[in-house]
Amino acid sequence: MLKNLLFNAKVCFLRAEQNSGLSLCDLYLDRVNLLDLLVANDCTYIPSIQQLTKNDYLGRLRDKLIQDERLKLAMDVSTKCGLDPSGVWGAWGLTCIKQGDYAGAREKFGRCLKVRVCSK
């Protein structure tokens, strides 16, 4: 229902040629989709949409998901909200090492660690 209301508001903003309202509708639509994702994954801490519009809260949510070892969900939050995913990749790499999946760990760490090349 909320998605439908936001879509209708977006159409109204389009007709009125108000770009600031369009971007706000897009932000809230993205956050409603994120809320759907959290509910679908049985997340026990469901934030309000207002909380999901704050980047500092989103970072804490991602960190809580990492702590709970819900790494796929933490990665989804990071990518959908434009957060730096390197912490998730690092935690995922450590989990792979603990499970003995060294190839998986190498791939995960390769996404967050950059090799410095020194030239002489």
C-alpha atoms as a PDB file:
ATOM      1  CA  MET A   1       0.000   0.000   0.000  1.00  0.00           C
ATOM      2  CA  LEU A   2       2.817   2.377   0.871  1.00  0.00           C
ATOM      3  CA  LYS A   3       4.508   1.631  -2.447  1.00  0.00           C
ATOM      4  CA  ASN A   4       1.294   2.489  -4.255  1.00  0.00           C
ATOM      5  CA  LEU A   5       0.965   5.796  -2.377  1.00  0.00           C
ATOM      6  CA  LEU A   6       4.570   6.698  -3.135  1.00  0.00           C
ATOM      7  CA  PHE A   7       4.119   5.822  -6.787  1.00  0.00           C
ATOM      8  CA  ASN A   8       1.031   8.045  -7.000  1.00  0.00           C
ATOM      9  CA  ALA A   9       2.897  10.867  -5.253  1.00  0.00           C
ATOM     10  CA  LYS A  10       5.708  10.454  -7.761  1.00  0.00           C
ATOM     11  CA  VAL A  11       3.244  10.795 -10.642  1.00  0.00           C
ATOM     12  CA  CYS A  12       1.847  13.980  -9.066  1.00  0.00           C
ATOM     13  CA  PHE A  13       5.353  15.416  -8.696  1.00  0.00           C
ATOM     14  CA  LEU A  14       6.081  14.543 -12.327  1.00  0.00           C
ATOM     15  CA  ARG A  15       3.006  16.401 -13.494  1.00  0.00           C
ATOM     16  CA  ALA A  16       3.894  19.400 -11.334  1.00  0.00           C
ATOM     17  CA  GLU A  17       7.530  19.238 -12.551  1.00  0.00           C
ATOM     18  CA  GLN A  18       8.903  19.210  -9.002  1.00  0.00           C
ATOM     19  CA  ASN A  19      12.178  17.305  -9.130  1.00  0.00           C
ATOM     20  CA  SER A  20      12.876  17.550  -5.399  1.00  0.00           C
ATOM     21  CA  GLY A  21       9.670  15.648  -4.680  1.00  0.00           C
ATOM     22  CA  LEU A  22      10.617  13.001  -7.231  1.00  0.00           C
ATOM     23  CA  SER A  23      13.953  12.313  -5.590  1.00  0.00           C
ATOM     24  CA  LEU A  24      12.313  12.132  -2.172  1.00  0.00           C
ATOM     25  CA  CYS A  25       9.762   9.616  -3.493  1.00  0.00           C
ATOM     26  CA  ASP A  26      12.589   7.549  -4.990  1.00  0.00           C
ATOM     27  CA  LEU A  27      14.437   7.589  -1.656  1.00  0.00           C
ATOM     28  CA  TYR A  28      11.369   6.410   0.218  1.00  0.00           C
ATOM     29  CA  LEU A  29      10.580   3.745  -2.402  1.00  0.00           C
ATOM     30  CA  ASP A  30      14.122   2.397  -2.031  1.00  0.00           C
ATOM     31  CA  ARG A  31      13.744   2.323   1.740  1.00  0.00           C
ATOM     32  CA  VAL A  32      10.357   0.583   1.570  1.00  0.00           C
ATOM     33  CA  ASN A  33      11.980  -2.068  -0.644  1.00  0.00           C
ATOM     34  CA  LEU A  34      14.757  -2.405   1.941  1.00  0.00           C
ATOM     35  CA  LEU A  35      12.146  -2.774   4.663  1.00  0.00           C
ATOM     36  CA  ASP A  36      10.487  -5.534   2.601  1.00  0.00           C
ATOM     37  CA  LEU A  37      13.861  -7.264   2.322  1.00  0.00           C
ATOM     38  CA  LEU A  38      14.409  -7.137   6.089  1.00  0.00           C
ATOM     39  CA  VAL A  39      10.931  -8.518   6.789  1.00  0.00           C
ATOM     40  CA  ALA A  40      11.317 -11.267   4.163  1.00  0.00           C
ATOM     41  CA  ASN A  41      14.579 -12.356   5.825  1.00  0.00           C
ATOM     42  CA  ASP A  42      12.985 -12.585   9.296  1.00  0.00           C
ATOM     43  CA  CYS A  43      15.040  -9.725  10.661  1.00  0.00           C
ATOM     44  CA  THR A  44      14.144  -9.313  14.344  1.00  0.00           C
ATOM     45  CA  TYR A  45      14.969  -5.598  14.468  1.00  0.00           C
ATOM     46  CA  ILE A  46      12.704  -3.836  11.987  1.00  0.00           C
ATOM     47  CA  PRO A  47      13.469  -0.114  11.823  1.00  0.00           C
ATOM     48  CA  SER A  48      11.061   2.631  10.860  1.00  0.00           C
ATOM     49  CA  ILE A  49      11.228   4.130   7.383  1.00  0.00           C
ATOM     50  CA  GLN A  50      12.387   7.382   8.994  1.00  0.00           C
ATOM     51  CA  GLN A  51      15.367   5.554  10.520  1.00  0.00           C
ATOM     52  CA  LEU A  52      16.164   4.012   7.145  1.00  0.00           C
ATOM     53  CA  THR A  53      16.625   7.477   5.626  1.00  0.00           C
ATOM     54  CA  LYS A  54      19.616   8.184   7.906  1.00  0.00           C
ATOM     55  CA  ASN A  55      23.012   6.944   6.718  1.00  0.00           C
ATOM     56  CA  ASP A  56      24.438   6.621  10.234  1.00  0.00           C
ATOM     57  CA  TYR A  57      21.561   4.330  11.192  1.00  0.00           C
ATOM     58  CA  LEU A  58      22.023   2.281   8.018  1.00  0.00           C
ATOM     59  CA  GLY A  59      25.691   1.792   8.898  1.00  0.00           C
ATOM     60  CA  ARG A  60      24.766   0.582  12.384  1.00  0.00           C
ATOM     61  CA  LEU A  61      22.148  -1.749  10.896  1.00  0.00           C
ATOM     62  CA  ARG A  62      24.729  -3.214   8.515  1.00  0.00           C
ATOM     63  CA  ASP A  63      27.199  -3.639  11.395  1.00  0.00           C
ATOM     64  CA  LYS A  64      24.539  -5.397  13.494  1.00  0.00           C
ATOM     65  CA  LEU A  65      23.827  -7.766  10.612  1.00  0.00           C
ATOM     66  CA  ILE A  66      27.569  -8.490  10.298  1.00  0.00           C
ATOM     67  CA  GLN A  67      27.757  -9.152  14.034  1.00  0.00           C
ATOM     68  CA  ASP A  68      24.844 -11.588  13.740  1.00  0.00           C
ATOM     69  CA  GLU A  69      26.630 -13.231  10.765  1.00  0.00           C
ATOM     70  CA  ARG A  70      23.806 -12.388   8.373  1.00  0.00           C
ATOM     71  CA  LEU A  71      26.359 -11.495   5.763  1.00  0.00           C
ATOM     72  CA  LYS A  72      24.229 -11.790   2.623  1.00  0.00           C
ATOM     73  CA  LEU A  73      21.642  -9.465   4.151  1.00  0.00           C
ATOM     74  CA  ALA A  74      24.390  -7.081   5.310  1.00  0.00           C
ATOM     75  CA  MET A  75      25.746  -7.018   1.754  1.00  0.00           C
ATOM     76  CA  ASP A  76      22.273  -6.292   0.386  1.00  0.00           C
ATOM     77  CA  VAL A  77      21.878  -3.377   2.824  1.00  0.00           C
ATOM     78  CA  SER A  78      25.315  -2.052   1.848  1.00  0.00           C
ATOM     79  CA  THR A  79      24.698  -2.176  -1.883  1.00  0.00           C
ATOM     80  CA  LYS A  80      21.121  -0.875  -1.776  1.00  0.00           C
ATOM     81  CA  CYS A  81      22.067   2.056   0.463  1.00  0.00           C
ATOM     82  CA  GLY A  82      25.403   2.966  -1.103  1.00  0.00           C
ATOM     83  CA  LEU A  83      27.450   1.981   1.958  1.00  0.00           C
ATOM     84  CA  ASP A  84      31.033   0.756   1.780  1.00  0.00           C
ATOM     85  CA  PRO A  85      30.825  -3.058   1.519  1.00  0.00           C
ATOM     86  CA  SER A  86      34.458  -3.765   2.458  1.00  0.00           C
ATOM     87  CA  GLY A  87      33.590  -4.562   6.091  1.00  0.00           C
ATOM     88  CA  VAL A  88      31.052  -7.125   4.944  1.00  0.00           C
ATOM     89  CA  TRP A  89      33.542  -8.707   2.535  1.00  0.00           C
ATOM     90  CA  GLY A  90      36.159  -8.883   5.303  1.00  0.00           C
ATOM     91  CA  ALA A  91      33.770 -10.520   7.770  1.00  0.00           C
ATOM     92  CA  TRP A  92      32.594 -12.919   5.072  1.00  0.00           C
ATOM     93  CA  GLY A  93      36.213 -13.825   4.310  1.00  0.00           C
ATOM     94  CA  LEU A  94      36.865 -14.594   7.986  1.00  0.00           C
ATOM     95  CA  THR A  95      33.768 -16.778   8.096  1.00  0.00           C
ATOM     96  CA  CYS A  96      35.029 -18.683   5.045  1.00  0.00           C
ATOM     97  CA  ILE A  97      38.390 -19.258   6.757  1.00  0.00           C
ATOM     98  CA  LYS A  98      36.659 -20.595   9.884  1.00  0.00           C
ATOM     99  CA  GLN A  99      34.709 -23.008   7.678  1.00  0.00           C
ATOM    100  CA  GLY A 100      37.852 -24.127   5.842  1.00  0.00           C
ATOM    101  CA  ASP A 101      36.724 -22.585   2.558  1.00  0.00           C
ATOM    102  CA  TYR A 102      40.047 -20.985   1.625  1.00  0.00           C
ATOM    103  CA  ALA A 103      39.148 -20.381  -2.015  1.00  0.00           C
ATOM    104  CA  GLY A 104      35.987 -18.581  -0.920  1.00  0.00           C
ATOM    105  CA  ALA A 105      37.975 -16.573   1.618  1.00  0.00           C
ATOM    106  CA  ARG A 106      40.473 -15.534  -1.046  1.00  0.00           C
ATOM    107  CA  GLU A 107      37.640 -14.352  -3.295  1.00  0.00           C
ATOM    108  CA  LYS A 108      35.933 -12.411  -0.464  1.00  0.00           C
ATOM    109  CA  PHE A 109      39.165 -10.802   0.743  1.00  0.00           C
ATOM    110  CA  GLY A 110      40.060  -9.964  -2.852  1.00  0.00           C
ATOM    111  CA  ARG A 111      36.999  -7.722  -2.959  1.00  0.00           C
ATOM    112  CA  CYS A 112      38.008  -5.657   0.060  1.00  0.00           C
ATOM    113  CA  LEU A 113      41.802  -5.709   0.086  1.00  0.00           C
ATOM    114  CA  LYS A 114      43.753  -3.850  -2.532  1.00  0.00           C
ATOM    115  CA  VAL A 115      47.309  -4.790  -3.420  1.00  0.00           C
ATOM    116  CA  ARG A 116      49.726  -1.902  -3.486  1.00  0.00           C
ATOM    117  CA  VAL A 117      52.143  -1.911  -6.350  1.00  0.00           C
ATOM    118  CA  CYS A 118      55.418  -0.187  -5.603  1.00  0.00           C
ATOM    119  CA  SER A 119      57.440   1.021  -8.531  1.00  0.00           C
ATOM    120  CA  LYS A 120      61.182   1.517  -8.283  1.00  0.00           C
END
